[in-house]
Amino acid sequence: METTTAESGALVACMGAYWLFALAIMVLYIAGMWKVFEKAGKPGWAAIVPFYNTWVLMEVAGRPGWWFFLLFIPFVNIVIWIIVSLDVATSFGKSVWWGLGLLVFGYIFYLILGFGSAQYVGPGGRQLP
């Protein structure tokens, strides 16, 4: 079975559109994380450094950085992401529902958190001294 030039072109166009969409989502996610990190007193550029950004996110959430290594354990990583998402939300004075939004639609909720009026109140929602 042979493919025609039109079919190949359509496939390439679909793949290109997919990658552009994925790139746009990544840019939105990074921009939101950058602003969230800055609000939390962390370096914004950490959002673009793989692995280090997760370490910094753990600190923003009020969890020890070594929790990053728990993300490499199957099934434990799911629980850790849920806890960290909820903790990041409470660190900015937001509700549990907001934390679930961070977990499921992070590219949208981190943007709103970073560019919105939310203020960092401290790890886990505790006031900073």
Protein backbone atom coordinates (compact mmCIF):
# COMPACT_ATOMS: atom_id res chain seq x y z
CA MET A 1 0.00 0.00 0.00
CA GLU A 2 1.49 3.29 -1.11
CA THR A 3 0.85 6.70 0.31
CA THR A 4 0.31 9.65 -1.95
CA THR A 5 2.08 12.94 -1.77
CA ALA A 6 -1.12 14.57 -0.55
CA GLU A 7 -1.44 12.07 2.32
CA SER A 8 2.19 12.59 3.29
CA GLY A 9 1.75 16.36 3.16
CA ALA A 10 -1.34 16.17 5.34
CA LEU A 11 0.52 14.04 7.87
CA VAL A 12 3.43 16.47 7.99
CA ALA A 13 1.01 19.40 8.41
CA CYS A 14 -0.78 17.65 11.28
CA MET A 15 2.51 16.83 12.97
CA GLY A 16 3.67 20.42 12.55
CA ALA A 17 0.45 21.75 14.04
CA TYR A 18 0.79 19.36 16.97
CA TRP A 19 4.35 20.48 17.69
CA LEU A 20 3.40 24.16 17.46
CA PHE A 21 0.57 23.57 19.91
CA ALA A 22 2.90 21.65 22.28
CA LEU A 23 5.50 24.43 22.05
CA ALA A 24 2.85 27.07 22.86
CA ILE A 25 1.74 25.08 25.93
CA MET A 26 5.37 24.77 27.10
CA VAL A 27 5.97 28.51 26.67
CA LEU A 28 2.82 29.33 28.67
CA TYR A 29 3.82 26.90 31.41
CA ILE A 30 7.36 28.31 31.64
CA ALA A 31 6.10 31.92 31.72
CA GLY A 32 3.69 31.11 34.53
CA MET A 33 6.31 29.20 36.53
CA TRP A 34 8.83 32.03 36.03
CA LYS A 35 6.45 34.56 37.60
CA VAL A 36 5.41 32.16 40.39
CA PHE A 37 9.06 31.62 41.28
CA GLU A 38 9.72 35.37 41.31
CA LYS A 39 6.72 35.99 43.58
CA ALA A 40 8.06 33.34 45.94
CA GLY A 41 11.48 35.02 46.07
CA LYS A 42 13.19 32.39 43.94
CA PRO A 43 15.07 33.03 40.68
CA GLY A 44 12.66 33.15 37.76
CA TRP A 45 15.19 31.64 35.37
CA ALA A 46 14.92 28.40 37.37
CA ALA A 47 11.72 27.71 35.42
CA ILE A 48 13.75 26.93 32.29
CA VAL A 49 16.29 24.61 33.90
CA PRO A 50 15.18 20.97 33.79
CA PHE A 51 15.10 19.17 37.15
CA TYR A 52 16.19 22.30 39.04
CA ASN A 53 12.77 23.84 38.38
CA THR A 54 11.15 20.90 40.15
CA TRP A 55 13.54 21.27 43.09
CA VAL A 56 12.63 24.98 43.36
CA LEU A 57 8.93 24.15 43.09
CA MET A 58 9.32 21.81 46.07
CA GLU A 59 10.82 24.68 48.06
CA VAL A 60 7.99 27.04 47.02
CA ALA A 61 5.51 24.42 48.22
CA GLY A 62 7.31 24.19 51.56
CA ARG A 63 8.56 20.65 50.98
CA PRO A 64 12.19 19.62 51.26
CA GLY A 65 14.06 19.59 47.96
CA TRP A 66 14.89 15.91 48.29
CA TRP A 67 11.22 15.14 47.59
CA PHE A 68 12.28 15.66 43.99
CA PHE A 69 13.83 12.19 44.09
CA LEU A 70 10.49 10.65 45.11
CA LEU A 71 9.21 11.58 41.66
CA PHE A 72 11.29 8.74 40.23
CA ILE A 73 9.33 6.11 42.15
CA PRO A 74 6.31 4.82 40.21
CA PHE A 75 2.92 5.56 41.81
CA VAL A 76 4.63 7.52 44.61
CA ASN A 77 5.26 10.27 42.06
CA ILE A 78 1.52 10.70 41.52
CA VAL A 79 0.93 11.23 45.24
CA ILE A 80 3.88 13.64 45.46
CA TRP A 81 2.57 15.75 42.55
CA ILE A 82 -0.85 15.96 44.18
CA ILE A 83 0.63 17.06 47.51
CA VAL A 84 2.98 19.60 45.90
CA SER A 85 0.18 21.08 43.77
CA LEU A 86 -2.03 21.49 46.82
CA ASP A 87 0.86 22.99 48.81
CA VAL A 88 1.72 25.49 46.07
CA ALA A 89 -1.92 26.61 46.03
CA THR A 90 -1.99 27.09 49.80
CA SER A 91 1.38 28.89 49.63
CA PHE A 92 -0.40 31.53 47.59
CA GLY A 93 -3.51 31.55 49.77
CA LYS A 94 -5.60 29.54 47.31
CA SER A 95 -7.99 26.64 47.92
CA VAL A 96 -7.70 22.90 47.42
CA TRP A 97 -9.66 23.29 44.18
CA TRP A 98 -7.03 25.69 42.93
CA GLY A 99 -4.38 23.08 43.76
CA LEU A 100 -6.25 20.50 41.72
CA GLY A 101 -6.36 23.03 38.88
CA LEU A 102 -2.59 23.40 39.13
CA LEU A 103 -2.29 19.63 38.92
CA VAL A 104 -4.55 19.12 35.90
CA PHE A 105 -4.28 22.39 33.97
CA GLY A 106 -0.94 23.72 35.18
CA TYR A 107 -0.22 25.72 32.04
CA ILE A 108 -3.33 27.82 32.72
CA PHE A 109 -3.35 27.96 36.53
CA TYR A 110 0.37 28.78 36.89
CA LEU A 111 -0.13 31.64 34.42
CA ILE A 112 -3.04 33.00 36.46
CA LEU A 113 -1.12 32.51 39.71
CA GLY A 114 2.02 34.19 38.37
CA PHE A 115 0.47 37.09 36.51
CA GLY A 116 -2.58 37.55 38.75
CA SER A 117 -2.96 39.33 42.05
CA ALA A 118 -2.11 36.30 44.25
CA GLN A 119 0.61 36.97 46.80
CA TYR A 120 3.04 34.41 48.17
CA VAL A 121 2.23 34.02 51.86
CA GLY A 122 4.85 31.40 52.64
CA PRO A 123 5.41 27.69 52.32
CA GLY A 124 2.21 25.79 52.93
CA GLY A 125 0.25 29.00 53.52
CA ARG A 126 2.17 29.99 56.65
CA GLN A 127 2.95 33.68 56.93
CA LEU A 128 6.54 34.67 56.32
CA PRO A 129 8.26 36.35 59.28
